[in-house]
Amino acid sequence: MSTFDEREKSFEKKFAHDEELQFKVSARRNKYIGQWASQILGYNADQEKEYIQSVIKADFAEAGDEDVFRKIKQDLKNYNINDEEIRKKMDELNEKAKSDFI
């Protein structure tokens, strides 16, 4: 195997690893944002688990974070929480999720 082939395989492995890590971070962030929103909504432990799953599933609607943002925004519309607060919390919890894996 040539050095070029080895280097190509190395880049492919790194890309796959980075993608897997990003998926895990996003899933963990979604769990955290689901916990945060469920506390605001006043859910009990069983309701919280179901709600977290619904937030995680919402992330599969489209690429990116907008699907999760829209779900949280819709669910918290009666709780006087604005878009900026939700985005700030999502960013904060994304950093927390990253630190869980690093």
PDB file of N, CA and C in Angstrom:
ATOM      1  N   MET A   1       0.851  -1.178   0.000  1.00  0.00           N
ATOM      2  CA  MET A   1       0.000   0.000   0.000  1.00  0.00           C
ATOM      3  C   MET A   1       0.897   1.241   0.000  1.00  0.00           C
ATOM      4  N   SER A   2       0.536   2.155  -0.828  1.00  0.00           N
ATOM      5  CA  SER A   2       1.353   3.357  -0.921  1.00  0.00           C
ATOM      6  C   SER A   2       1.039   4.308   0.227  1.00  0.00           C
ATOM      7  N   THR A   3       1.921   5.246   0.417  1.00  0.00           N
ATOM      8  CA  THR A   3       1.740   6.257   1.454  1.00  0.00           C
ATOM      9  C   THR A   3       0.451   7.050   1.200  1.00  0.00           C
ATOM     10  N   PHE A   4       0.164   7.306  -0.078  1.00  0.00           N
ATOM     11  CA  PHE A   4      -1.058   8.035  -0.412  1.00  0.00           C
ATOM     12  C   PHE A   4      -2.300   7.255   0.014  1.00  0.00           C
ATOM     13  N   ASP A   5      -2.312   5.949  -0.252  1.00  0.00           N
ATOM     14  CA  ASP A   5      -3.440   5.106   0.133  1.00  0.00           C
ATOM     15  C   ASP A   5      -3.610   5.069   1.650  1.00  0.00           C
ATOM     16  N   GLU A   6      -2.489   4.960   2.354  1.00  0.00           N
ATOM     17  CA  GLU A   6      -2.545   4.946   3.810  1.00  0.00           C
ATOM     18  C   GLU A   6      -3.095   6.272   4.347  1.00  0.00           C
ATOM     19  N   ARG A   7      -2.653   7.341   3.747  1.00  0.00           N
ATOM     20  CA  ARG A   7      -3.106   8.664   4.163  1.00  0.00           C
ATOM     21  C   ARG A   7      -4.605   8.835   3.886  1.00  0.00           C
ATOM     22  N   GLU A   8      -5.043   8.348   2.734  1.00  0.00           N
ATOM     23  CA  GLU A   8      -6.462   8.417   2.378  1.00  0.00           C
ATOM     24  C   GLU A   8      -7.310   7.623   3.381  1.00  0.00           C
ATOM     25  N   LYS A   9      -6.886   6.441   3.722  1.00  0.00           N
ATOM     26  CA  LYS A   9      -7.609   5.633   4.697  1.00  0.00           C
ATOM     27  C   LYS A   9      -7.637   6.311   6.066  1.00  0.00           C
ATOM     28  N   SER A  10      -6.552   6.949   6.402  1.00  0.00           N
ATOM     29  CA  SER A  10      -6.479   7.671   7.667  1.00  0.00           C
ATOM     30  C   SER A  10      -7.490   8.814   7.704  1.00  0.00           C
ATOM     31  N   PHE A  11      -7.578   9.561   6.614  1.00  0.00           N
ATOM     32  CA  PHE A  11      -8.549  10.659   6.530  1.00  0.00           C
ATOM     33  C   PHE A  11      -9.976  10.125   6.593  1.00  0.00           C
ATOM     34  N   GLU A  12     -10.229   9.004   5.925  1.00  0.00           N
ATOM     35  CA  GLU A  12     -11.559   8.403   5.946  1.00  0.00           C
ATOM     36  C   GLU A  12     -11.942   7.970   7.360  1.00  0.00           C
ATOM     37  N   LYS A  13     -10.994   7.374   8.059  1.00  0.00           N
ATOM     38  CA  LYS A  13     -11.251   6.960   9.446  1.00  0.00           C
ATOM     39  C   LYS A  13     -11.549   8.165  10.335  1.00  0.00           C
ATOM     40  N   LYS A  14     -10.767   9.217  10.170  1.00  0.00           N
ATOM     41  CA  LYS A  14     -10.977  10.421  10.970  1.00  0.00           C
ATOM     42  C   LYS A  14     -12.333  11.033  10.669  1.00  0.00           C
ATOM     43  N   PHE A  15     -12.696  11.101   9.401  1.00  0.00           N
ATOM     44  CA  PHE A  15     -13.998  11.651   9.027  1.00  0.00           C
ATOM     45  C   PHE A  15     -15.121  10.834   9.654  1.00  0.00           C
ATOM     46  N   ALA A  16     -15.045   9.519   9.564  1.00  0.00           N
ATOM     47  CA  ALA A  16     -16.080   8.650  10.144  1.00  0.00           C
ATOM     48  C   ALA A  16     -16.152   8.845  11.657  1.00  0.00           C
ATOM     49  N   HIS A  17     -15.009   8.940  12.295  1.00  0.00           N
ATOM     50  CA  HIS A  17     -14.969   9.154  13.743  1.00  0.00           C
ATOM     51  C   HIS A  17     -15.595  10.496  14.119  1.00  0.00           C
ATOM     52  N   ASP A  18     -15.238  11.545  13.371  1.00  0.00           N
ATOM     53  CA  ASP A  18     -15.781  12.885  13.638  1.00  0.00           C
ATOM     54  C   ASP A  18     -17.294  12.919  13.453  1.00  0.00           C
ATOM     55  N   GLU A  19     -17.793  12.258  12.419  1.00  0.00           N
ATOM     56  CA  GLU A  19     -19.237  12.214  12.169  1.00  0.00           C
ATOM     57  C   GLU A  19     -19.965  11.465  13.293  1.00  0.00           C
ATOM     58  N   GLU A  20     -19.395  10.363  13.723  1.00  0.00           N
ATOM     59  CA  GLU A  20     -19.987   9.594  14.820  1.00  0.00           C
ATOM     60  C   GLU A  20     -20.000  10.417  16.103  1.00  0.00           C
ATOM     61  N   LEU A  21     -18.919  11.096  16.376  1.00  0.00           N
ATOM     62  CA  LEU A  21     -18.836  11.936  17.568  1.00  0.00           C
ATOM     63  C   LEU A  21     -19.864  13.065  17.512  1.00  0.00           C
ATOM     64  N   GLN A  22     -20.011  13.701  16.355  1.00  0.00           N
ATOM     65  CA  GLN A  22     -20.989  14.774  16.216  1.00  0.00           C
ATOM     66  C   GLN A  22     -22.403  14.259  16.424  1.00  0.00           C
ATOM     67  N   PHE A  23     -22.695  13.061  15.939  1.00  0.00           N
ATOM     68  CA  PHE A  23     -24.008  12.458  16.135  1.00  0.00           C
ATOM     69  C   PHE A  23     -24.269  12.237  17.627  1.00  0.00           C
ATOM     70  N   LYS A  24     -23.275  11.718  18.327  1.00  0.00           N
ATOM     71  CA  LYS A  24     -23.416  11.466  19.763  1.00  0.00           C
ATOM     72  C   LYS A  24     -23.604  12.772  20.542  1.00  0.00           C
ATOM     73  N   VAL A  25     -22.846  13.794  20.171  1.00  0.00           N
ATOM     74  CA  VAL A  25     -22.962  15.090  20.843  1.00  0.00           C
ATOM     75  C   VAL A  25     -24.357  15.675  20.616  1.00  0.00           C
ATOM     76  N   SER A  26     -24.842  15.603  19.385  1.00  0.00           N
ATOM     77  CA  SER A  26     -26.177  16.127  19.088  1.00  0.00           C
ATOM     78  C   SER A  26     -27.253  15.375  19.862  1.00  0.00           C
ATOM     79  N   ALA A  27     -27.140  14.061  19.910  1.00  0.00           N
ATOM     80  CA  ALA A  27     -28.122  13.264  20.646  1.00  0.00           C
ATOM     81  C   ALA A  27     -28.095  13.613  22.135  1.00  0.00           C
ATOM     82  N   ARG A  28     -26.901  13.785  22.675  1.00  0.00           N
ATOM     83  CA  ARG A  28     -26.781  14.139  24.086  1.00  0.00           C
ATOM     84  C   ARG A  28     -27.333  15.538  24.341  1.00  0.00           C
ATOM     85  N   ARG A  29     -27.041  16.477  23.445  1.00  0.00           N
ATOM     86  CA  ARG A  29     -27.589  17.821  23.563  1.00  0.00           C
ATOM     87  C   ARG A  29     -29.109  17.789  23.536  1.00  0.00           C
ATOM     88  N   ASN A  30     -29.660  16.972  22.644  1.00  0.00           N
ATOM     89  CA  ASN A  30     -31.120  16.862  22.555  1.00  0.00           C
ATOM     90  C   ASN A  30     -31.712  16.284  23.833  1.00  0.00           C
ATOM     91  N   LYS A  31     -31.006  15.369  24.430  1.00  0.00           N
ATOM     92  CA  LYS A  31     -31.460  14.824  25.717  1.00  0.00           C
ATOM     93  C   LYS A  31     -31.479  15.936  26.768  1.00  0.00           C
ATOM     94  N   TYR A  32     -30.416  16.684  26.828  1.00  0.00           N
ATOM     95  CA  TYR A  32     -30.325  17.768  27.807  1.00  0.00           C
ATOM     96  C   TYR A  32     -31.393  18.840  27.580  1.00  0.00           C
ATOM     97  N   ILE A  33     -31.614  19.209  26.307  1.00  0.00           N
ATOM     98  CA  ILE A  33     -32.610  20.241  26.029  1.00  0.00           C
ATOM     99  C   ILE A  33     -34.008  19.709  26.334  1.00  0.00           C
ATOM    100  N   GLY A  34     -34.206  18.423  26.114  1.00  0.00           N
ATOM    101  CA  GLY A  34     -35.477  17.796  26.476  1.00  0.00           C
ATOM    102  C   GLY A  34     -35.704  17.804  27.977  1.00  0.00           C
ATOM    103  N   GLN A  35     -34.647  17.549  28.744  1.00  0.00           N
ATOM    104  CA  GLN A  35     -34.757  17.603  30.205  1.00  0.00           C
ATOM    105  C   GLN A  35     -35.083  19.018  30.662  1.00  0.00           C
ATOM    106  N   TRP A  36     -34.404  19.981  30.090  1.00  0.00           N
ATOM    107  CA  TRP A  36     -34.625  21.380  30.452  1.00  0.00           C
ATOM    108  C   TRP A  36     -36.064  21.794  30.170  1.00  0.00           C
ATOM    109  N   ALA A  37     -36.534  21.497  28.968  1.00  0.00           N
ATOM    110  CA  ALA A  37     -37.901  21.882  28.593  1.00  0.00           C
ATOM    111  C   ALA A  37     -38.932  21.130  29.424  1.00  0.00           C
ATOM    112  N   SER A  38     -38.688  19.865  29.716  1.00  0.00           N
ATOM    113  CA  SER A  38     -39.663  19.088  30.493  1.00  0.00           C
ATOM    114  C   SER A  38     -39.788  19.625  31.916  1.00  0.00           C
ATOM    115  N   GLN A  39     -38.710  20.174  32.450  1.00  0.00           N
ATOM    116  CA  GLN A  39     -38.793  20.801  33.774  1.00  0.00           C
ATOM    117  C   GLN A  39     -39.678  22.042  33.715  1.00  0.00           C
ATOM    118  N   ILE A  40     -39.526  22.819  32.666  1.00  0.00           N
ATOM    119  CA  ILE A  40     -40.364  24.008  32.502  1.00  0.00           C
ATOM    120  C   ILE A  40     -41.823  23.599  32.338  1.00  0.00           C
ATOM    121  N   LEU A  41     -42.042  22.517  31.594  1.00  0.00           N
ATOM    122  CA  LEU A  41     -43.394  22.038  31.347  1.00  0.00           C
ATOM    123  C   LEU A  41     -44.007  21.338  32.570  1.00  0.00           C
ATOM    124  N   GLY A  42     -43.186  21.054  33.570  1.00  0.00           N
ATOM    125  CA  GLY A  42     -43.679  20.437  34.800  1.00  0.00           C
ATOM    126  C   GLY A  42     -43.975  18.950  34.678  1.00  0.00           C
ATOM    127  N   TYR A  43     -43.240  18.269  33.827  1.00  0.00           N
ATOM    128  CA  TYR A  43     -43.483  16.845  33.606  1.00  0.00           C
ATOM    129  C   TYR A  43     -42.923  15.992  34.740  1.00  0.00           C
ATOM    130  N   ASN A  44     -43.585  14.857  34.989  1.00  0.00           N
ATOM    131  CA  ASN A  44     -43.059  13.879  35.944  1.00  0.00           C
ATOM    132  C   ASN A  44     -42.005  13.031  35.230  1.00  0.00           C
ATOM    133  N   ALA A  45     -41.403  12.086  35.947  1.00  0.00           N
ATOM    134  CA  ALA A  45     -40.285  11.309  35.392  1.00  0.00           C
ATOM    135  C   ALA A  45     -40.673  10.532  34.137  1.00  0.00           C
ATOM    136  N   ASP A  46     -41.853   9.903  34.129  1.00  0.00           N
ATOM    137  CA  ASP A  46     -42.277   9.143  32.953  1.00  0.00           C
ATOM    138  C   ASP A  46     -42.554  10.060  31.773  1.00  0.00           C
ATOM    139  N   GLN A  47     -43.220  11.167  32.029  1.00  0.00           N
ATOM    140  CA  GLN A  47     -43.493  12.134  30.968  1.00  0.00           C
ATOM    141  C   GLN A  47     -42.197  12.714  30.427  1.00  0.00           C
ATOM    142  N   GLU A  48     -41.235  12.946  31.322  1.00  0.00           N
ATOM    143  CA  GLU A  48     -39.942  13.490  30.897  1.00  0.00           C
ATOM    144  C   GLU A  48     -39.255  12.534  29.942  1.00  0.00           C
ATOM    145  N   LYS A  49     -39.248  11.245  30.264  1.00  0.00           N
ATOM    146  CA  LYS A  49     -38.609  10.256  29.391  1.00  0.00           C
ATOM    147  C   LYS A  49     -39.250  10.260  28.005  1.00  0.00           C
ATOM    148  N   GLU A  50     -40.570  10.275  27.960  1.00  0.00           N
ATOM    149  CA  GLU A  50     -41.275  10.313  26.686  1.00  0.00           C
ATOM    150  C   GLU A  50     -40.954  11.595  25.924  1.00  0.00           C
ATOM    151  N   TYR A  51     -40.924  12.699  26.636  1.00  0.00           N
ATOM    152  CA  TYR A  51     -40.659  13.980  26.000  1.00  0.00           C
ATOM    153  C   TYR A  51     -39.242  14.018  25.424  1.00  0.00           C
ATOM    154  N   ILE A  52     -38.285  13.540  26.180  1.00  0.00           N
ATOM    155  CA  ILE A  52     -36.897  13.500  25.693  1.00  0.00           C
ATOM    156  C   ILE A  52     -36.828  12.688  24.403  1.00  0.00           C
ATOM    157  N   GLN A  53     -37.513  11.553  24.363  1.00  0.00           N
ATOM    158  CA  GLN A  53     -37.523  10.737  23.147  1.00  0.00           C
ATOM    159  C   GLN A  53     -38.139  11.497  21.978  1.00  0.00           C
ATOM    160  N   SER A  54     -39.184  12.275  22.251  1.00  0.00           N
ATOM    161  CA  SER A  54     -39.818  13.046  21.176  1.00  0.00           C
ATOM    162  C   SER A  54     -38.881  14.134  20.648  1.00  0.00           C
ATOM    163  N   VAL A  55     -38.084  14.713  21.528  1.00  0.00           N
ATOM    164  CA  VAL A  55     -37.102  15.725  21.090  1.00  0.00           C
ATOM    165  C   VAL A  55     -36.013  15.065  20.246  1.00  0.00           C
ATOM    166  N   ILE A  56     -35.541  13.923  20.685  1.00  0.00           N
ATOM    167  CA  ILE A  56     -34.515  13.194  19.923  1.00  0.00           C
ATOM    168  C   ILE A  56     -35.050  12.817  18.546  1.00  0.00           C
ATOM    169  N   LYS A  57     -36.282  12.329  18.496  1.00  0.00           N
ATOM    170  CA  LYS A  57     -36.890  11.949  17.213  1.00  0.00           C
ATOM    171  C   LYS A  57     -37.094  13.170  16.319  1.00  0.00           C
ATOM    172  N   ALA A  58     -37.403  14.308  16.916  1.00  0.00           N
ATOM    173  CA  ALA A  58     -37.614  15.530  16.129  1.00  0.00           C
ATOM    174  C   ALA A  58     -36.358  15.908  15.353  1.00  0.00           C
ATOM    175  N   ASP A  59     -35.200  15.539  15.869  1.00  0.00           N
ATOM    176  CA  ASP A  59     -33.947  15.891  15.210  1.00  0.00           C
ATOM    177  C   ASP A  59     -33.764  15.168  13.883  1.00  0.00           C
ATOM    178  N   PHE A  60     -34.519  14.108  13.662  1.00  0.00           N
ATOM    179  CA  PHE A  60     -34.382  13.353  12.418  1.00  0.00           C
ATOM    180  C   PHE A  60     -35.274  13.894  11.303  1.00  0.00           C
ATOM    181  N   ALA A  61     -36.046  14.944  11.581  1.00  0.00           N
ATOM    182  CA  ALA A  61     -36.950  15.506  10.574  1.00  0.00           C
ATOM    183  C   ALA A  61     -36.183  16.140   9.419  1.00  0.00           C
ATOM    184  N   GLU A  62     -35.083  16.799   9.728  1.00  0.00           N
ATOM    185  CA  GLU A  62     -34.259  17.444   8.698  1.00  0.00           C
ATOM    186  C   GLU A  62     -32.848  17.632   9.228  1.00  0.00           C
ATOM    187  N   ALA A  63     -31.951  17.944   8.331  1.00  0.00           N
ATOM    188  CA  ALA A  63     -30.563  18.173   8.735  1.00  0.00           C
ATOM    189  C   ALA A  63     -30.476  19.464   9.545  1.00  0.00           C
ATOM    190  N   GLY A  64     -29.567  19.487  10.483  1.00  0.00           N
ATOM    191  CA  GLY A  64     -29.358  20.681  11.295  1.00  0.00           C
ATOM    192  C   GLY A  64     -30.194  20.674  12.566  1.00  0.00           C
ATOM    193  N   ASP A  65     -30.153  21.809  13.258  1.00  0.00           N
ATOM    194  CA  ASP A  65     -30.796  21.914  14.568  1.00  0.00           C
ATOM    195  C   ASP A  65     -32.155  22.598  14.539  1.00  0.00           C
ATOM    196  N   GLU A  66     -32.565  23.106  13.387  1.00  0.00           N
ATOM    197  CA  GLU A  66     -33.807  23.881  13.324  1.00  0.00           C
ATOM    198  C   GLU A  66     -35.033  23.060  13.684  1.00  0.00           C
ATOM    199  N   ASP A  67     -35.034  21.771  13.367  1.00  0.00           N
ATOM    200  CA  ASP A  67     -36.186  20.942  13.703  1.00  0.00           C
ATOM    201  C   ASP A  67     -36.358  20.823  15.216  1.00  0.00           C
ATOM    202  N   VAL A  68     -35.259  20.677  15.932  1.00  0.00           N
ATOM    203  CA  VAL A  68     -35.318  20.603  17.400  1.00  0.00           C
ATOM    204  C   VAL A  68     -35.730  21.957  17.961  1.00  0.00           C
ATOM    205  N   PHE A  69     -35.151  23.013  17.425  1.00  0.00           N
ATOM    206  CA  PHE A  69     -35.506  24.357  17.883  1.00  0.00           C
ATOM    207  C   PHE A  69     -37.000  24.615  17.733  1.00  0.00           C
ATOM    208  N   ARG A  70     -37.544  24.267  16.557  1.00  0.00           N
ATOM    209  CA  ARG A  70     -38.975  24.494  16.319  1.00  0.00           C
ATOM    210  C   ARG A  70     -39.841  23.704  17.288  1.00  0.00           C
ATOM    211  N   LYS A  71     -39.451  22.480  17.581  1.00  0.00           N
ATOM    212  CA  LYS A  71     -40.229  21.661  18.517  1.00  0.00           C
ATOM    213  C   LYS A  71     -40.229  22.289  19.905  1.00  0.00           C
ATOM    214  N   ILE A  72     -39.055  22.658  20.387  1.00  0.00           N
ATOM    215  CA  ILE A  72     -38.954  23.262  21.716  1.00  0.00           C
ATOM    216  C   ILE A  72     -39.738  24.580  21.752  1.00  0.00           C
ATOM    217  N   LYS A  73     -39.580  25.372  20.714  1.00  0.00           N
ATOM    218  CA  LYS A  73     -40.284  26.660  20.649  1.00  0.00           C
ATOM    219  C   LYS A  73     -41.792  26.451  20.706  1.00  0.00           C
ATOM    220  N   GLN A  74     -42.288  25.508  19.935  1.00  0.00           N
ATOM    221  CA  GLN A  74     -43.723  25.222  19.909  1.00  0.00           C
ATOM    222  C   GLN A  74     -44.204  24.731  21.281  1.00  0.00           C
ATOM    223  N   ASP A  75     -43.437  23.855  21.891  1.00  0.00           N
ATOM    224  CA  ASP A  75     -43.840  23.276  23.174  1.00  0.00           C
ATOM    225  C   ASP A  75     -43.802  24.293  24.311  1.00  0.00           C
ATOM    226  N   LEU A  76     -42.925  25.287  24.200  1.00  0.00           N
ATOM    227  CA  LEU A  76     -42.789  26.286  25.267  1.00  0.00           C
ATOM    228  C   LEU A  76     -43.470  27.617  24.935  1.00  0.00           C
ATOM    229  N   LYS A  77     -44.291  27.635  23.900  1.00  0.00           N
ATOM    230  CA  LYS A  77     -44.889  28.900  23.452  1.00  0.00           C
ATOM    231  C   LYS A  77     -45.729  29.581  24.533  1.00  0.00           C
ATOM    232  N   ASN A  78     -46.280  28.840  25.453  1.00  0.00           N
ATOM    233  CA  ASN A  78     -47.122  29.423  26.507  1.00  0.00           C
ATOM    234  C   ASN A  78     -46.352  29.725  27.795  1.00  0.00           C
ATOM    235  N   TYR A  79     -45.022  29.640  27.740  1.00  0.00           N
ATOM    236  CA  TYR A  79     -44.207  29.802  28.943  1.00  0.00           C
ATOM    237  C   TYR A  79     -43.304  31.029  28.902  1.00  0.00           C
ATOM    238  N   ASN A  80     -43.570  31.942  27.998  1.00  0.00           N
ATOM    239  CA  ASN A  80     -42.842  33.205  27.940  1.00  0.00           C
ATOM    240  C   ASN A  80     -41.325  33.004  27.798  1.00  0.00           C
ATOM    241  N   ILE A  81     -40.944  32.062  26.945  1.00  0.00           N
ATOM    242  CA  ILE A  81     -39.522  31.811  26.662  1.00  0.00           C
ATOM    243  C   ILE A  81     -39.295  32.189  25.209  1.00  0.00           C
ATOM    244  N   ASN A  82     -38.411  33.144  24.977  1.00  0.00           N
ATOM    245  CA  ASN A  82     -38.222  33.632  23.606  1.00  0.00           C
ATOM    246  C   ASN A  82     -37.178  32.801  22.848  1.00  0.00           C
ATOM    247  N   ASP A  83     -37.110  33.076  21.547  1.00  0.00           N
ATOM    248  CA  ASP A  83     -36.202  32.333  20.658  1.00  0.00           C
ATOM    249  C   ASP A  83     -34.759  32.424  21.127  1.00  0.00           C
ATOM    250  N   GLU A  84     -34.350  33.612  21.543  1.00  0.00           N
ATOM    251  CA  GLU A  84     -32.966  33.814  21.971  1.00  0.00           C
ATOM    252  C   GLU A  84     -32.616  32.929  23.169  1.00  0.00           C
ATOM    253  N   GLU A  85     -33.528  32.825  24.112  1.00  0.00           N
ATOM    254  CA  GLU A  85     -33.285  31.976  25.290  1.00  0.00           C
ATOM    255  C   GLU A  85     -33.128  30.514  24.894  1.00  0.00           C
ATOM    256  N   ILE A  86     -33.982  30.070  23.972  1.00  0.00           N
ATOM    257  CA  ILE A  86     -33.916  28.669  23.531  1.00  0.00           C
ATOM    258  C   ILE A  86     -32.600  28.411  22.809  1.00  0.00           C
ATOM    259  N   ARG A  87     -32.233  29.306  21.896  1.00  0.00           N
ATOM    260  CA  ARG A  87     -30.965  29.114  21.160  1.00  0.00           C
ATOM    261  C   ARG A  87     -29.756  29.170  22.097  1.00  0.00           C
ATOM    262  N   LYS A  88     -29.795  30.077  23.044  1.00  0.00           N
ATOM    263  CA  LYS A  88     -28.702  30.185  24.008  1.00  0.00           C
ATOM    264  C   LYS A  88     -28.596  28.897  24.824  1.00  0.00           C
ATOM    265  N   LYS A  89     -29.733  28.364  25.263  1.00  0.00           N
ATOM    266  CA  LYS A  89     -29.732  27.127  26.042  1.00  0.00           C
ATOM    267  C   LYS A  89     -29.244  25.960  25.189  1.00  0.00           C
ATOM    268  N   MET A  90     -29.655  25.925  23.917  1.00  0.00           N
ATOM    269  CA  MET A  90     -29.182  24.856  23.027  1.00  0.00           C
ATOM    270  C   MET A  90     -27.668  24.925  22.857  1.00  0.00           C
ATOM    271  N   ASP A  91     -27.121  26.137  22.681  1.00  0.00           N
ATOM    272  CA  ASP A  91     -25.671  26.296  22.553  1.00  0.00           C
ATOM    273  C   ASP A  91     -24.957  25.864  23.829  1.00  0.00           C
ATOM    274  N   GLU A  92     -25.487  26.306  24.962  1.00  0.00           N
ATOM    275  CA  GLU A  92     -24.906  25.960  26.262  1.00  0.00           C
ATOM    276  C   GLU A  92     -24.906  24.443  26.459  1.00  0.00           C
ATOM    277  N   LEU A  93     -26.020  23.806  26.148  1.00  0.00           N
ATOM    278  CA  LEU A  93     -26.115  22.363  26.345  1.00  0.00           C
ATOM    279  C   LEU A  93     -25.316  21.591  25.303  1.00  0.00           C
ATOM    280  N   ASN A  94     -25.100  22.184  24.137  1.00  0.00           N
ATOM    281  CA  ASN A  94     -24.228  21.555  23.154  1.00  0.00           C
ATOM    282  C   ASN A  94     -22.791  21.508  23.667  1.00  0.00           C
ATOM    283  N   GLU A  95     -22.358  22.597  24.286  1.00  0.00           N
ATOM    284  CA  GLU A  95     -21.016  22.626  24.878  1.00  0.00           C
ATOM    285  C   GLU A  95     -20.894  21.607  26.013  1.00  0.00           C
ATOM    286  N   LYS A  96     -21.940  21.508  26.818  1.00  0.00           N
ATOM    287  CA  LYS A  96     -21.948  20.504  27.895  1.00  0.00           C
ATOM    288  C   LYS A  96     -21.844  19.098  27.305  1.00  0.00           C
ATOM    289  N   ALA A  97     -22.608  18.849  26.254  1.00  0.00           N
ATOM    290  CA  ALA A  97     -22.578  17.530  25.614  1.00  0.00           C
ATOM    291  C   ALA A  97     -21.206  17.234  25.034  1.00  0.00           C
ATOM    292  N   LYS A  98     -20.566  18.233  24.415  1.00  0.00           N
ATOM    293  CA  LYS A  98     -19.207  18.036  23.878  1.00  0.00           C
ATOM    294  C   LYS A  98     -18.238  17.645  24.994  1.00  0.00           C
ATOM    295  N   SER A  99     -18.373  18.325  26.120  1.00  0.00           N
ATOM    296  CA  SER A  99     -17.453  18.037  27.224  1.00  0.00           C
ATOM    297  C   SER A  99     -17.664  16.631  27.795  1.00  0.00           C
ATOM    298  N   ASP A 100     -18.846  16.073  27.588  1.00  0.00           N
ATOM    299  CA  ASP A 100     -19.092  14.700  28.035  1.00  0.00           C
ATOM    300  C   ASP A 100     -18.268  13.691  27.249  1.00  0.00           C
ATOM    301  N   PHE A 101     -17.899  14.040  26.037  1.00  0.00           N
ATOM    302  CA  PHE A 101     -17.193  13.099  25.158  1.00  0.00           C
ATOM    303  C   PHE A 101     -15.709  13.410  24.986  1.00  0.00           C
ATOM    304  N   ILE A 102     -15.261  14.523  25.549  1.00  0.00           N
ATOM    305  CA  ILE A 102     -13.849  14.900  25.370  1.00  0.00           C
ATOM    306  C   ILE A 102     -13.068  14.686  26.642  1.00  0.00           C
TER     307      ILE A 102
END
